[in-house]
Protein backbone atom coordinates (compact mmCIF):
# COMPACT_ATOMS: atom_id res chain seq x y z
CA MET A 1 -54.65 20.21 -38.25
CA GLN A 2 -52.94 18.16 -35.59
CA LEU A 3 -51.00 19.96 -32.94
CA ASN A 4 -48.20 18.40 -30.98
CA ASN A 5 -48.65 19.28 -27.27
CA ASP A 6 -44.99 18.74 -26.53
CA THR A 7 -44.00 21.28 -29.21
CA LEU A 8 -46.60 23.79 -27.99
CA THR A 9 -45.41 23.41 -24.39
CA GLU A 10 -41.78 23.92 -25.57
CA LYS A 11 -42.78 27.06 -27.63
CA ILE A 12 -44.82 28.47 -24.71
CA ALA A 13 -41.87 27.86 -22.35
CA ASP A 14 -39.55 29.67 -24.82
CA ILE A 15 -41.96 32.68 -25.00
CA ASN A 16 -42.27 32.69 -21.16
CA GLU A 17 -38.47 32.77 -20.80
CA SER A 18 -38.17 35.66 -23.28
CA VAL A 19 -40.98 37.57 -21.62
CA ASN A 20 -39.42 37.08 -18.21
CA ASP A 21 -36.05 38.35 -19.47
CA PHE A 22 -37.70 41.31 -21.14
CA ASN A 23 -39.83 42.16 -18.05
CA SER A 24 -36.83 41.85 -15.74
CA ILE A 25 -34.69 44.29 -17.75
CA THR A 26 -37.63 46.65 -18.23
CA GLU A 27 -38.59 46.58 -14.60
CA ARG A 28 -34.89 47.28 -13.67
CA VAL A 29 -34.91 50.29 -15.89
CA ILE A 30 -38.15 51.58 -14.33
CA ARG A 31 -36.99 50.91 -10.71
CA GLU A 32 -33.79 52.82 -11.36
CA GLN A 33 -35.84 55.90 -12.28
CA SER A 34 -38.74 55.52 -9.92
CA ALA A 35 -37.55 53.87 -6.69
CA ASP A 36 -37.91 57.10 -4.61
CA LEU A 37 -41.32 57.85 -6.07
CA ASP A 38 -42.39 54.29 -5.41
CA ASP A 39 -41.22 54.51 -1.80
CA LEU A 40 -43.02 57.85 -1.21
CA MET A 41 -46.20 56.63 -2.81
CA GLN A 42 -46.11 53.54 -0.51
CA ASP A 43 -45.73 55.89 2.43
CA VAL A 44 -48.57 58.11 1.31
CA HIS A 45 -50.78 55.01 0.66
CA ALA A 46 -50.17 53.83 4.13
CA ALA A 47 -50.94 57.22 5.63
CA VAL A 48 -54.16 57.86 3.78
CA THR A 49 -55.60 54.25 4.00
CA GLN A 50 -55.09 53.78 7.72
CA GLU A 51 -58.17 53.59 9.90
CA ASN A 52 -57.47 56.85 11.68
CA ALA A 53 -57.09 59.96 9.47
CA ALA A 54 -53.50 61.03 9.01
CA ALA A 55 -52.52 64.27 10.77
CA THR A 56 -52.68 67.42 8.73
CA ASP A 57 -48.96 67.91 9.24
CA THR A 58 -48.30 64.50 7.81
CA ILE A 59 -50.47 65.23 4.69
CA GLU A 60 -48.66 68.61 4.26
CA ARG A 61 -45.23 66.93 4.42
CA TYR A 62 -46.33 64.38 1.85
CA TYR A 63 -47.81 67.08 -0.38
CA ALA A 64 -44.55 69.00 -0.25
CA GLU A 65 -42.31 65.88 -0.76
CA LEU A 66 -44.51 64.70 -3.67
CA SER A 67 -44.54 68.11 -5.35
CA ALA A 68 -40.74 68.29 -5.27
CA LEU A 69 -40.32 64.64 -6.42
CA ILE A 70 -42.70 65.16 -9.36
CA TYR A 71 -40.41 67.99 -10.45
CA PHE A 72 -37.39 65.71 -10.55
CA MET A 73 -39.35 62.88 -12.04
CA SER A 74 -40.27 64.99 -15.07
CA GLU A 75 -36.55 65.41 -15.78
CA ARG A 76 -36.04 61.66 -15.51
CA ILE A 77 -38.83 61.00 -17.84
CA GLU A 78 -37.30 63.38 -20.46
CA LYS A 79 -34.00 61.53 -20.09
CA LEU A 80 -35.77 58.23 -20.62
CA ASN A 81 -37.53 59.64 -23.61
CA ILE A 82 -34.09 60.40 -25.08
CA PHE A 83 -33.03 56.79 -24.52
CA ARG A 84 -36.26 55.72 -26.23
CA ASP A 85 -35.59 57.96 -29.18
CA VAL A 86 -31.96 56.99 -29.57
CA SER A 87 -32.82 53.27 -29.22
CA LYS A 88 -35.50 53.69 -31.96
CA ALA A 89 -32.97 55.32 -34.23
CA ALA A 90 -30.45 52.52 -33.51
CA ALA A 91 -32.92 49.88 -34.31
CA LYS A 92 -33.82 51.60 -37.52
CA GLU A 93 -30.13 51.95 -38.49
CA ALA A 94 -29.36 48.36 -37.60
CA TYR A 95 -32.32 47.26 -39.80
CA ASN A 96 -31.31 49.56 -42.66
CA LYS A 97 -27.60 48.44 -42.57
CA ALA A 98 -28.58 44.69 -42.50
CA TYR A 99 -31.13 45.22 -45.33
CA LEU A 100 -28.60 47.00 -47.48
CA LYS A 101 -25.95 44.37 -46.77
CA PHE A 102 -28.36 41.57 -47.84
CA CYS A 103 -29.56 43.55 -50.98
CA ALA A 104 -25.92 44.12 -52.00
CA GLU A 105 -25.36 40.39 -52.47
CA LYS A 106 -25.63 39.71 -56.15
CA ASP A 107 -25.25 36.63 -58.40
CA GLU A 108 -22.85 36.50 -61.44
CA LYS A 109 -25.41 38.25 -63.62
CA GLY A 110 -25.72 41.16 -61.10
CA LYS A 111 -29.12 40.12 -59.89
CA SER A 112 -30.07 39.95 -56.18
CA VAL A 113 -29.62 36.55 -54.75
CA ARG A 114 -32.78 36.90 -52.65
CA THR A 115 -36.24 38.29 -52.88
CA VAL A 116 -37.29 41.48 -51.11
CA ASN A 117 -39.16 39.41 -48.59
CA GLU A 118 -36.02 37.33 -47.82
CA ASN A 119 -33.92 40.45 -47.41
CA THR A 120 -36.58 41.94 -45.19
CA ALA A 121 -36.70 38.77 -42.99
CA LEU A 122 -32.94 38.64 -42.74
CA ALA A 123 -32.66 42.34 -41.81
CA GLU A 124 -35.38 41.95 -39.15
CA THR A 125 -33.47 38.97 -37.73
CA ASP A 126 -30.18 40.88 -37.72
CA SER A 127 -31.79 43.91 -35.92
CA GLN A 128 -33.96 42.07 -33.39
CA TYR A 129 -31.84 43.00 -30.42
CA GLU A 130 -31.96 46.71 -31.22
CA VAL A 131 -35.72 46.39 -31.65
CA VAL A 132 -36.04 44.72 -28.23
CA ILE A 133 -33.85 47.44 -26.67
CA GLN A 134 -36.17 50.01 -28.26
CA SER A 135 -39.15 48.22 -26.83
CA ILE A 136 -37.60 47.99 -23.39
CA TYR A 137 -37.01 51.80 -23.26
CA GLY A 138 -40.43 52.52 -24.83
CA ASN A 139 -42.22 50.45 -22.20
CA ALA A 140 -40.12 51.88 -19.44
CA TYR A 141 -40.92 55.42 -20.63
CA ASP A 142 -44.66 54.61 -20.82
CA ALA A 143 -44.58 53.13 -17.35
CA LEU A 144 -42.70 55.95 -15.82
CA LYS A 145 -44.95 58.52 -17.48
CA LEU A 146 -48.01 56.63 -16.06
CA LYS A 147 -46.44 56.62 -12.62
CA LEU A 148 -45.87 60.41 -12.96
CA ASP A 149 -49.51 60.96 -14.03
CA LEU A 150 -50.77 58.85 -11.12
CA ALA A 151 -48.38 60.75 -8.71
CA MET A 152 -50.01 63.97 -9.96
CA GLU A 153 -53.44 62.60 -9.26
CA MET A 154 -52.32 61.79 -5.72
CA LEU A 155 -50.92 65.25 -5.42
CA SER A 156 -54.36 66.63 -6.33
CA THR A 157 -56.00 64.28 -3.84
CA LEU A 158 -53.67 65.48 -1.07
CA LYS A 159 -54.40 69.04 -2.10
CA ASN A 160 -58.13 68.44 -1.76
CA ILE A 161 -57.76 66.81 1.62
CA LEU A 162 -55.77 69.82 2.80
CA LYS A 163 -58.37 72.22 1.32
CA ARG A 164 -61.15 70.43 3.04
CA ARG A 165 -59.36 70.34 6.39
CA THR A 166 -58.51 74.05 6.11
CA ASN A 167 -62.19 74.83 5.37
CA GLU A 168 -63.25 72.69 8.34
CA GLU A 169 -60.87 74.40 10.65
CA TYR A 170 -61.98 77.80 9.48
CA LEU A 171 -65.65 76.93 9.89
CA ASN A 172 -64.94 75.53 13.39
CA SER A 173 -63.09 78.59 14.42
CA GLN A 174 -65.93 80.78 13.11
CA LEU A 175 -68.49 78.70 14.92
CA SER A 176 -66.51 78.90 18.19
CA LYS A 177 -66.42 82.72 17.78
CA LEU A 178 -70.27 82.73 17.35
CA ASN A 179 -70.92 80.38 20.23
CA PRO A 180 -68.01 81.03 22.75
CA GLY A 181 -69.59 78.96 25.54
CA GLY A 182 -70.14 75.88 23.35
CA ASN A 183 -73.20 73.62 23.71
CA ASP A 184 -73.49 73.07 27.40
């Protein structure tokens, strides 16, 4: 089999363009729903990865902010899930309408003018935009759900940091009570 490199390059460019368009729209949907979470996670990341440990007050503030934001993010995810479900139903409806339209075309003898496979291919082509929209909302939902899961992991990490610091402070206070003069 001989492949034409120019044709391959052209096909790859077409796919890249479609992927870029798809990603651009999907990322816009995700950003609309998660910009405040992304900003907060950037701040938390900067605070916990700096060379000097972040102050306990700072960690407490991030813990409280992230807790509240996770609450609101769960509502956004549910709304995005509705978009995913509705777009899935719209894609199925568009496919079914197109399929029935093509199946309804009969010749003078009342027989279908196309095979089942031809009707299927035409219906898939007619409903391709609805399928892409379904995919956009499905991918955005999955990405937002992953972000929420990771935010919950960060919340757990912040909680563990606060617990460890509280325990250290308690131990230090108990040690200072036992040894009021210190180690002179």
